[in-house]
Amino acid sequence: FPENEIISGIAFIAVSRESYGTVN
């Protein structure tokens, strides 16, 4: 996608998906 802007992101977080639809 040479015409589109690319934004690079880095998350610093302790998080997990325990099950579908549930995040801790």
mmCIF file of all heavy atoms, coordinates in Angstrom:
data_MODEL
# 
_entry.id   MODEL 
# 
loop_
_atom_site.group_PDB 
_atom_site.id 
_atom_site.type_symbol 
_atom_site.label_atom_id 
_atom_site.label_alt_id 
_atom_site.label_comp_id 
_atom_site.label_asym_id 
_atom_site.label_entity_id 
_atom_site.label_seq_id 
_atom_site.pdbx_PDB_ins_code 
_atom_site.Cartn_x 
_atom_site.Cartn_y 
_atom_site.Cartn_z 
_atom_site.occupancy 
_atom_site.B_iso_or_equiv 
_atom_site.pdbx_formal_charge 
_atom_site.auth_seq_id 
_atom_site.auth_comp_id 
_atom_site.auth_asym_id 
_atom_site.auth_atom_id 
_atom_site.pdbx_PDB_model_num 
ATOM 1   N N   . PHE A 1 1  ? 0.843   -1.203  0.000  1.00 0.00 ? 1  PHE A N   1 
ATOM 2   C CA  . PHE A 1 1  ? 0.000   0.000   0.000  1.00 0.00 ? 1  PHE A CA  1 
ATOM 3   C C   . PHE A 1 1  ? 0.879   1.254   0.000  1.00 0.00 ? 1  PHE A C   1 
ATOM 4   O O   . PHE A 1 1  ? 0.915   2.012   0.970  1.00 0.00 ? 1  PHE A O   1 
ATOM 5   C CB  . PHE A 1 1  ? -0.929  -0.016  1.215  1.00 0.00 ? 1  PHE A CB  1 
ATOM 6   C CG  . PHE A 1 1  ? -1.803  -1.237  1.301  1.00 0.00 ? 1  PHE A CG  1 
ATOM 7   C CD1 . PHE A 1 1  ? -1.471  -2.290  2.152  1.00 0.00 ? 1  PHE A CD1 1 
ATOM 8   C CD2 . PHE A 1 1  ? -2.945  -1.346  0.531  1.00 0.00 ? 1  PHE A CD2 1 
ATOM 9   C CE1 . PHE A 1 1  ? -2.263  -3.422  2.229  1.00 0.00 ? 1  PHE A CE1 1 
ATOM 10  C CE2 . PHE A 1 1  ? -3.744  -2.476  0.589  1.00 0.00 ? 1  PHE A CE2 1 
ATOM 11  C CZ  . PHE A 1 1  ? -3.409  -3.527  1.442  1.00 0.00 ? 1  PHE A CZ  1 
ATOM 12  N N   . PRO A 1 2  ? 1.600   1.484   -1.101 1.00 0.00 ? 2  PRO A N   1 
ATOM 13  C CA  . PRO A 1 2  ? 2.559   2.593   -1.132 1.00 0.00 ? 2  PRO A CA  1 
ATOM 14  C C   . PRO A 1 2  ? 1.912   3.975   -1.024 1.00 0.00 ? 2  PRO A C   1 
ATOM 15  O O   . PRO A 1 2  ? 2.595   4.945   -0.671 1.00 0.00 ? 2  PRO A O   1 
ATOM 16  C CB  . PRO A 1 2  ? 3.256   2.406   -2.483 1.00 0.00 ? 2  PRO A CB  1 
ATOM 17  C CG  . PRO A 1 2  ? 2.273   1.647   -3.323 1.00 0.00 ? 2  PRO A CG  1 
ATOM 18  C CD  . PRO A 1 2  ? 1.574   0.735   -2.375 1.00 0.00 ? 2  PRO A CD  1 
ATOM 19  N N   . GLU A 1 3  ? 0.629   4.081   -1.321 1.00 0.00 ? 3  GLU A N   1 
ATOM 20  C CA  . GLU A 1 3  ? -0.051  5.375   -1.259 1.00 0.00 ? 3  GLU A CA  1 
ATOM 21  C C   . GLU A 1 3  ? -0.689  5.638   0.099  1.00 0.00 ? 3  GLU A C   1 
ATOM 22  O O   . GLU A 1 3  ? -1.214  6.734   0.336  1.00 0.00 ? 3  GLU A O   1 
ATOM 23  C CB  . GLU A 1 3  ? -1.126  5.446   -2.358 1.00 0.00 ? 3  GLU A CB  1 
ATOM 24  C CG  . GLU A 1 3  ? -0.596  5.234   -3.770 1.00 0.00 ? 3  GLU A CG  1 
ATOM 25  C CD  . GLU A 1 3  ? 0.481   6.234   -4.140 1.00 0.00 ? 3  GLU A CD  1 
ATOM 26  O OE1 . GLU A 1 3  ? 0.327   7.434   -3.802 1.00 0.00 ? 3  GLU A OE1 1 
ATOM 27  O OE2 . GLU A 1 3  ? 1.486   5.823   -4.778 1.00 0.00 ? 3  GLU A OE2 1 
ATOM 28  N N   . ASN A 1 4  ? -0.693  4.639   0.961  1.00 0.00 ? 4  ASN A N   1 
ATOM 29  C CA  . ASN A 1 4  ? -1.318  4.794   2.282  1.00 0.00 ? 4  ASN A CA  1 
ATOM 30  C C   . ASN A 1 4  ? -0.267  4.984   3.365  1.00 0.00 ? 4  ASN A C   1 
ATOM 31  O O   . ASN A 1 4  ? 0.834   4.436   3.294  1.00 0.00 ? 4  ASN A O   1 
ATOM 32  C CB  . ASN A 1 4  ? -2.183  3.576   2.616  1.00 0.00 ? 4  ASN A CB  1 
ATOM 33  C CG  . ASN A 1 4  ? -3.410  3.470   1.733  1.00 0.00 ? 4  ASN A CG  1 
ATOM 34  O OD1 . ASN A 1 4  ? -3.350  2.903   0.651  1.00 0.00 ? 4  ASN A OD1 1 
ATOM 35  N ND2 . ASN A 1 4  ? -4.512  4.023   2.195  1.00 0.00 ? 4  ASN A ND2 1 
ATOM 36  N N   . GLU A 1 5  ? -0.644  5.735   4.362  1.00 0.00 ? 5  GLU A N   1 
ATOM 37  C CA  . GLU A 1 5  ? 0.265   5.967   5.475  1.00 0.00 ? 5  GLU A CA  1 
ATOM 38  C C   . GLU A 1 5  ? 0.330   4.732   6.369  1.00 0.00 ? 5  GLU A C   1 
ATOM 39  O O   . GLU A 1 5  ? -0.696  4.100   6.654  1.00 0.00 ? 5  GLU A O   1 
ATOM 40  C CB  . GLU A 1 5  ? -0.223  7.165   6.279  1.00 0.00 ? 5  GLU A CB  1 
ATOM 41  C CG  . GLU A 1 5  ? 0.745   7.605   7.355  1.00 0.00 ? 5  GLU A CG  1 
ATOM 42  C CD  . GLU A 1 5  ? 0.382   8.959   7.936  1.00 0.00 ? 5  GLU A CD  1 
ATOM 43  O OE1 . GLU A 1 5  ? -0.307  9.738   7.257  1.00 0.00 ? 5  GLU A OE1 1 
ATOM 44  O OE2 . GLU A 1 5  ? 0.799   9.228   9.073  1.00 0.00 ? 5  GLU A OE2 1 
ATOM 45  N N   . ILE A 1 6  ? 1.518   4.382   6.792  1.00 0.00 ? 6  ILE A N   1 
ATOM 46  C CA  . ILE A 1 6  ? 1.726   3.279   7.732  1.00 0.00 ? 6  ILE A CA  1 
ATOM 47  C C   . ILE A 1 6  ? 2.154   3.872   9.065  1.00 0.00 ? 6  ILE A C   1 
ATOM 48  O O   . ILE A 1 6  ? 3.121   4.632   9.140  1.00 0.00 ? 6  ILE A O   1 
ATOM 49  C CB  . ILE A 1 6  ? 2.801   2.286   7.242  1.00 0.00 ? 6  ILE A CB  1 
ATOM 50  C CG1 . ILE A 1 6  ? 2.512   1.808   5.814  1.00 0.00 ? 6  ILE A CG1 1 
ATOM 51  C CG2 . ILE A 1 6  ? 2.914   1.105   8.202  1.00 0.00 ? 6  ILE A CG2 1 
ATOM 52  C CD1 . ILE A 1 6  ? 1.255   1.006   5.645  1.00 0.00 ? 6  ILE A CD1 1 
ATOM 53  N N   . ILE A 1 7  ? 1.422   3.522   10.118 1.00 0.00 ? 7  ILE A N   1 
ATOM 54  C CA  . ILE A 1 7  ? 1.756   3.947   11.482 1.00 0.00 ? 7  ILE A CA  1 
ATOM 55  C C   . ILE A 1 7  ? 2.144   2.703   12.262 1.00 0.00 ? 7  ILE A C   1 
ATOM 56  O O   . ILE A 1 7  ? 1.404   1.720   12.298 1.00 0.00 ? 7  ILE A O   1 
ATOM 57  C CB  . ILE A 1 7  ? 0.577   4.663   12.161 1.00 0.00 ? 7  ILE A CB  1 
ATOM 58  C CG1 . ILE A 1 7  ? 0.181   5.913   11.360 1.00 0.00 ? 7  ILE A CG1 1 
ATOM 59  C CG2 . ILE A 1 7  ? 0.929   5.037   13.604 1.00 0.00 ? 7  ILE A CG2 1 
ATOM 60  C CD1 . ILE A 1 7  ? -1.076  6.595   11.865 1.00 0.00 ? 7  ILE A CD1 1 
ATOM 61  N N   . SER A 1 8  ? 3.311   2.732   12.861 1.00 0.00 ? 8  SER A N   1 
ATOM 62  C CA  . SER A 1 8  ? 3.812   1.589   13.614 1.00 0.00 ? 8  SER A CA  1 
ATOM 63  C C   . SER A 1 8  ? 3.586   1.841   15.102 1.00 0.00 ? 8  SER A C   1 
ATOM 64  O O   . SER A 1 8  ? 3.943   2.903   15.622 1.00 0.00 ? 8  SER A O   1 
ATOM 65  C CB  . SER A 1 8  ? 5.300   1.382   13.322 1.00 0.00 ? 8  SER A CB  1 
ATOM 66  O OG  . SER A 1 8  ? 5.738   0.122   13.760 1.00 0.00 ? 8  SER A OG  1 
ATOM 67  N N   . GLY A 1 9  ? 2.973   0.867   15.778 1.00 0.00 ? 9  GLY A N   1 
ATOM 68  C CA  . GLY A 1 9  ? 2.637   1.031   17.188 1.00 0.00 ? 9  GLY A CA  1 
ATOM 69  C C   . GLY A 1 9  ? 3.178   -0.099  18.047 1.00 0.00 ? 9  GLY A C   1 
ATOM 70  O O   . GLY A 1 9  ? 3.238   -1.252  17.620 1.00 0.00 ? 9  GLY A O   1 
ATOM 71  N N   . ILE A 1 10 ? 3.581   0.258   19.249 1.00 0.00 ? 10 ILE A N   1 
ATOM 72  C CA  . ILE A 1 10 ? 4.146   -0.721  20.187 1.00 0.00 ? 10 ILE A CA  1 
ATOM 73  C C   . ILE A 1 10 ? 3.413   -0.593  21.510 1.00 0.00 ? 10 ILE A C   1 
ATOM 74  O O   . ILE A 1 10 ? 3.359   0.495   22.105 1.00 0.00 ? 10 ILE A O   1 
ATOM 75  C CB  . ILE A 1 10 ? 5.646   -0.475  20.407 1.00 0.00 ? 10 ILE A CB  1 
ATOM 76  C CG1 . ILE A 1 10 ? 6.369   -0.389  19.055 1.00 0.00 ? 10 ILE A CG1 1 
ATOM 77  C CG2 . ILE A 1 10 ? 6.255   -1.576  21.269 1.00 0.00 ? 10 ILE A CG2 1 
ATOM 78  C CD1 . ILE A 1 10 ? 7.698   0.315   19.135 1.00 0.00 ? 10 ILE A CD1 1 
ATOM 79  N N   . ALA A 1 11 ? 2.841   -1.689  21.958 1.00 0.00 ? 11 ALA A N   1 
ATOM 80  C CA  . ALA A 1 11 ? 2.082   -1.688  23.204 1.00 0.00 ? 11 ALA A CA  1 
ATOM 81  C C   . ALA A 1 11 ? 2.964   -2.138  24.361 1.00 0.00 ? 11 ALA A C   1 
ATOM 82  O O   . ALA A 1 11 ? 3.701   -3.118  24.255 1.00 0.00 ? 11 ALA A O   1 
ATOM 83  C CB  . ALA A 1 11 ? 0.874   -2.615  23.090 1.00 0.00 ? 11 ALA A CB  1 
ATOM 84  N N   . PHE A 1 12 ? 2.880   -1.428  25.471 1.00 0.00 ? 12 PHE A N   1 
ATOM 85  C CA  . PHE A 1 12 ? 3.556   -1.814  26.716 1.00 0.00 ? 12 PHE A CA  1 
ATOM 86  C C   . PHE A 1 12 ? 2.455   -2.086  27.730 1.00 0.00 ? 12 PHE A C   1 
ATOM 87  O O   . PHE A 1 12 ? 1.944   -1.170  28.387 1.00 0.00 ? 12 PHE A O   1 
ATOM 88  C CB  . PHE A 1 12 ? 4.479   -0.697  27.188 1.00 0.00 ? 12 PHE A CB  1 
ATOM 89  C CG  . PHE A 1 12 ? 5.603   -0.407  26.240 1.00 0.00 ? 12 PHE A CG  1 
ATOM 90  C CD1 . PHE A 1 12 ? 5.425   0.460   25.175 1.00 0.00 ? 12 PHE A CD1 1 
ATOM 91  C CD2 . PHE A 1 12 ? 6.839   -1.014  26.399 1.00 0.00 ? 12 PHE A CD2 1 
ATOM 92  C CE1 . PHE A 1 12 ? 6.449   0.727   24.289 1.00 0.00 ? 12 PHE A CE1 1 
ATOM 93  C CE2 . PHE A 1 12 ? 7.871   -0.758  25.510 1.00 0.00 ? 12 PHE A CE2 1 
ATOM 94  C CZ  . PHE A 1 12 ? 7.678   0.114   24.455 1.00 0.00 ? 12 PHE A CZ  1 
ATOM 95  N N   . ILE A 1 13 ? 2.070   -3.347  27.848 1.00 0.00 ? 13 ILE A N   1 
ATOM 96  C CA  . ILE A 1 13 ? 0.897   -3.684  28.638 1.00 0.00 ? 13 ILE A CA  1 
ATOM 97  C C   . ILE A 1 13 ? 0.963   -5.147  29.047 1.00 0.00 ? 13 ILE A C   1 
ATOM 98  O O   . ILE A 1 13 ? 1.442   -5.995  28.296 1.00 0.00 ? 13 ILE A O   1 
ATOM 99  C CB  . ILE A 1 13 ? -0.389  -3.407  27.818 1.00 0.00 ? 13 ILE A CB  1 
ATOM 100 C CG1 . ILE A 1 13 ? -1.638  -3.604  28.676 1.00 0.00 ? 13 ILE A CG1 1 
ATOM 101 C CG2 . ILE A 1 13 ? -0.433  -4.257  26.561 1.00 0.00 ? 13 ILE A CG2 1 
ATOM 102 C CD1 . ILE A 1 13 ? -2.913  -3.095  28.014 1.00 0.00 ? 13 ILE A CD1 1 
ATOM 103 N N   . ALA A 1 14 ? 0.500   -5.436  30.257 1.00 0.00 ? 14 ALA A N   1 
ATOM 104 C CA  . ALA A 1 14 ? 0.341   -6.819  30.725 1.00 0.00 ? 14 ALA A CA  1 
ATOM 105 C C   . ALA A 1 14 ? -1.136  -7.149  30.613 1.00 0.00 ? 14 ALA A C   1 
ATOM 106 O O   . ALA A 1 14 ? -1.945  -6.732  31.447 1.00 0.00 ? 14 ALA A O   1 
ATOM 107 C CB  . ALA A 1 14 ? 0.834   -6.964  32.163 1.00 0.00 ? 14 ALA A CB  1 
ATOM 108 N N   . VAL A 1 15 ? -1.490  -7.866  29.574 1.00 0.00 ? 15 VAL A N   1 
ATOM 109 C CA  . VAL A 1 15 ? -2.894  -8.133  29.283 1.00 0.00 ? 15 VAL A CA  1 
ATOM 110 C C   . VAL A 1 15 ? -3.004  -9.486  28.602 1.00 0.00 ? 15 VAL A C   1 
ATOM 111 O O   . VAL A 1 15 ? -2.093  -9.911  27.892 1.00 0.00 ? 15 VAL A O   1 
ATOM 112 C CB  . VAL A 1 15 ? -3.480  -7.009  28.389 1.00 0.00 ? 15 VAL A CB  1 
ATOM 113 C CG1 . VAL A 1 15 ? -2.837  -7.007  27.018 1.00 0.00 ? 15 VAL A CG1 1 
ATOM 114 C CG2 . VAL A 1 15 ? -4.991  -7.078  28.287 1.00 0.00 ? 15 VAL A CG2 1 
ATOM 115 N N   . SER A 1 16 ? -4.103  -10.186 28.822 1.00 0.00 ? 16 SER A N   1 
ATOM 116 C CA  . SER A 1 16 ? -4.292  -11.487 28.197 1.00 0.00 ? 16 SER A CA  1 
ATOM 117 C C   . SER A 1 16 ? -5.773  -11.719 27.924 1.00 0.00 ? 16 SER A C   1 
ATOM 118 O O   . SER A 1 16 ? -6.635  -11.182 28.624 1.00 0.00 ? 16 SER A O   1 
ATOM 119 C CB  . SER A 1 16 ? -3.749  -12.615 29.089 1.00 0.00 ? 16 SER A CB  1 
ATOM 120 O OG  . SER A 1 16 ? -4.440  -12.661 30.324 1.00 0.00 ? 16 SER A OG  1 
ATOM 121 N N   . ARG A 1 17 ? -6.042  -12.497 26.901 1.00 0.00 ? 17 ARG A N   1 
ATOM 122 C CA  . ARG A 1 17 ? -7.420  -12.902 26.633 1.00 0.00 ? 17 ARG A CA  1 
ATOM 123 C C   . ARG A 1 17 ? -7.648  -14.245 27.295 1.00 0.00 ? 17 ARG A C   1 
ATOM 124 O O   . ARG A 1 17 ? -7.067  -15.250 26.907 1.00 0.00 ? 17 ARG A O   1 
ATOM 125 C CB  . ARG A 1 17 ? -7.701  -12.991 25.128 1.00 0.00 ? 17 ARG A CB  1 
ATOM 126 C CG  . ARG A 1 17 ? -9.165  -13.321 24.832 1.00 0.00 ? 17 ARG A CG  1 
ATOM 127 C CD  . ARG A 1 17 ? -9.485  -13.238 23.348 1.00 0.00 ? 17 ARG A CD  1 
ATOM 128 N NE  . ARG A 1 17 ? -8.869  -14.314 22.591 1.00 0.00 ? 17 ARG A NE  1 
ATOM 129 C CZ  . ARG A 1 17 ? -9.075  -14.518 21.285 1.00 0.00 ? 17 ARG A CZ  1 
ATOM 130 N NH1 . ARG A 1 17 ? -9.845  -13.679 20.607 1.00 0.00 ? 17 ARG A NH1 1 
ATOM 131 N NH2 . ARG A 1 17 ? -8.483  -15.502 20.661 1.00 0.00 ? 17 ARG A NH2 1 
ATOM 132 N N   . GLU A 1 18 ? -8.501  -14.268 28.317 1.00 0.00 ? 18 GLU A N   1 
ATOM 133 C CA  . GLU A 1 18 ? -8.726  -15.493 29.076 1.00 0.00 ? 18 GLU A CA  1 
ATOM 134 C C   . GLU A 1 18 ? -9.646  -16.445 28.334 1.00 0.00 ? 18 GLU A C   1 
ATOM 135 O O   . GLU A 1 18 ? -9.537  -17.664 28.479 1.00 0.00 ? 18 GLU A O   1 
ATOM 136 C CB  . GLU A 1 18 ? -9.303  -15.151 30.450 1.00 0.00 ? 18 GLU A CB  1 
ATOM 137 C CG  . GLU A 1 18 ? -8.339  -14.340 31.302 1.00 0.00 ? 18 GLU A CG  1 
ATOM 138 C CD  . GLU A 1 18 ? -8.812  -14.150 32.717 1.00 0.00 ? 18 GLU A CD  1 
ATOM 139 O OE1 . GLU A 1 18 ? -10.010 -14.369 32.971 1.00 0.00 ? 18 GLU A OE1 1 
ATOM 140 O OE2 . GLU A 1 18 ? -7.987  -13.784 33.570 1.00 0.00 ? 18 GLU A OE2 1 
ATOM 141 N N   . SER A 1 19 ? -10.585 -15.900 27.576 1.00 0.00 ? 19 SER A N   1 
ATOM 142 C CA  . SER A 1 19 ? -11.492 -16.691 26.763 1.00 0.00 ? 19 SER A CA  1 
ATOM 143 C C   . SER A 1 19 ? -12.104 -15.748 25.734 1.00 0.00 ? 19 SER A C   1 
ATOM 144 O O   . SER A 1 19 ? -11.916 -14.527 25.800 1.00 0.00 ? 19 SER A O   1 
ATOM 145 C CB  . SER A 1 19 ? -12.591 -17.338 27.618 1.00 0.00 ? 19 SER A CB  1 
ATOM 146 O OG  . SER A 1 19 ? -13.358 -16.345 28.289 1.00 0.00 ? 19 SER A OG  1 
ATOM 147 N N   . TYR A 1 20 ? -12.833 -16.284 24.779 1.00 0.00 ? 20 TYR A N   1 
ATOM 148 C CA  . TYR A 1 20 ? -13.473 -15.427 23.796 1.00 0.00 ? 20 TYR A CA  1 
ATOM 149 C C   . TYR A 1 20 ? -14.378 -14.425 24.516 1.00 0.00 ? 20 TYR A C   1 
ATOM 150 O O   . TYR A 1 20 ? -15.250 -14.788 25.295 1.00 0.00 ? 20 TYR A O   1 
ATOM 151 C CB  . TYR A 1 20 ? -14.309 -16.240 22.823 1.00 0.00 ? 20 TYR A CB  1 
ATOM 152 C CG  . TYR A 1 20 ? -13.506 -17.132 21.906 1.00 0.00 ? 20 TYR A CG  1 
ATOM 153 C CD1 . TYR A 1 20 ? -14.078 -18.254 21.317 1.00 0.00 ? 20 TYR A CD1 1 
ATOM 154 C CD2 . TYR A 1 20 ? -12.170 -16.862 21.613 1.00 0.00 ? 20 TYR A CD2 1 
ATOM 155 C CE1 . TYR A 1 20 ? -13.356 -19.074 20.468 1.00 0.00 ? 20 TYR A CE1 1 
ATOM 156 C CE2 . TYR A 1 20 ? -11.442 -17.671 20.773 1.00 0.00 ? 20 TYR A CE2 1 
ATOM 157 C CZ  . TYR A 1 20 ? -12.037 -18.779 20.204 1.00 0.00 ? 20 TYR A CZ  1 
ATOM 158 O OH  . TYR A 1 20 ? -11.315 -19.585 19.372 1.00 0.00 ? 20 TYR A OH  1 
ATOM 159 N N   . GLY A 1 21 ? -14.137 -13.142 24.245 1.00 0.00 ? 21 GLY A N   1 
ATOM 160 C CA  . GLY A 1 21 ? -14.975 -12.110 24.833 1.00 0.00 ? 21 GLY A CA  1 
ATOM 161 C C   . GLY A 1 21 ? -14.596 -11.691 26.233 1.00 0.00 ? 21 GLY A C   1 
ATOM 162 O O   . GLY A 1 21 ? -15.298 -10.895 26.848 1.00 0.00 ? 21 GLY A O   1 
ATOM 163 N N   . THR A 1 22 ? -13.450 -12.176 26.748 1.00 0.00 ? 22 THR A N   1 
ATOM 164 C CA  . THR A 1 22 ? -13.016 -11.815 28.102 1.00 0.00 ? 22 THR A CA  1 
ATOM 165 C C   . THR A 1 22 ? -11.523 -11.508 28.100 1.00 0.00 ? 22 THR A C   1 
ATOM 166 O O   . THR A 1 22 ? -10.712 -12.341 27.692 1.00 0.00 ? 22 THR A O   1 
ATOM 167 C CB  . THR A 1 22 ? -13.298 -12.944 29.113 1.00 0.00 ? 22 THR A CB  1 
ATOM 168 O OG1 . THR A 1 22 ? -14.686 -13.264 29.099 1.00 0.00 ? 22 THR A OG1 1 
ATOM 169 C CG2 . THR A 1 22 ? -12.910 -12.511 30.515 1.00 0.00 ? 22 THR A CG2 1 
ATOM 170 N N   . VAL A 1 23 ? -11.172 -10.299 28.564 1.00 0.00 ? 23 VAL A N   1 
ATOM 171 C CA  . VAL A 1 23 ? -9.776  -9.851  28.591 1.00 0.00 ? 23 VAL A CA  1 
ATOM 172 C C   . VAL A 1 23 ? -9.419  -9.432  30.011 1.00 0.00 ? 23 VAL A C   1 
ATOM 173 O O   . VAL A 1 23 ? -10.222 -8.805  30.704 1.00 0.00 ? 23 VAL A O   1 
ATOM 174 C CB  . VAL A 1 23 ? -9.571  -8.671  27.611 1.00 0.00 ? 23 VAL A CB  1 
ATOM 175 C CG1 . VAL A 1 23 ? -8.224  -8.006  27.823 1.00 0.00 ? 23 VAL A CG1 1 
ATOM 176 C CG2 . VAL A 1 23 ? -9.714  -9.147  26.167 1.00 0.00 ? 23 VAL A CG2 1 
ATOM 177 N N   . ASN A 1 24 ? -8.216  -9.784  30.430 1.00 0.00 ? 24 ASN A N   1 
ATOM 178 C CA  . ASN A 1 24 ? -7.735  -9.425  31.765 1.00 0.00 ? 24 ASN A CA  1 
ATOM 179 C C   . ASN A 1 24 ? -6.536  -8.490  31.633 1.00 0.00 ? 24 ASN A C   1 
ATOM 180 O O   . ASN A 1 24 ? -5.481  -8.874  31.126 1.00 0.00 ? 24 ASN A O   1 
ATOM 181 C CB  . ASN A 1 24 ? -7.343  -10.688 32.541 1.00 0.00 ? 24 ASN A CB  1 
ATOM 182 C CG  . ASN A 1 24 ? -6.952  -10.385 33.969 1.00 0.00 ? 24 ASN A CG  1 
ATOM 183 O OD1 . ASN A 1 24 ? -7.325  -9.343  34.520 1.00 0.00 ? 24 ASN A OD1 1 
ATOM 184 N ND2 . ASN A 1 24 ? -6.214  -11.292 34.592 1.00 0.00 ? 24 ASN A ND2 1 
# 
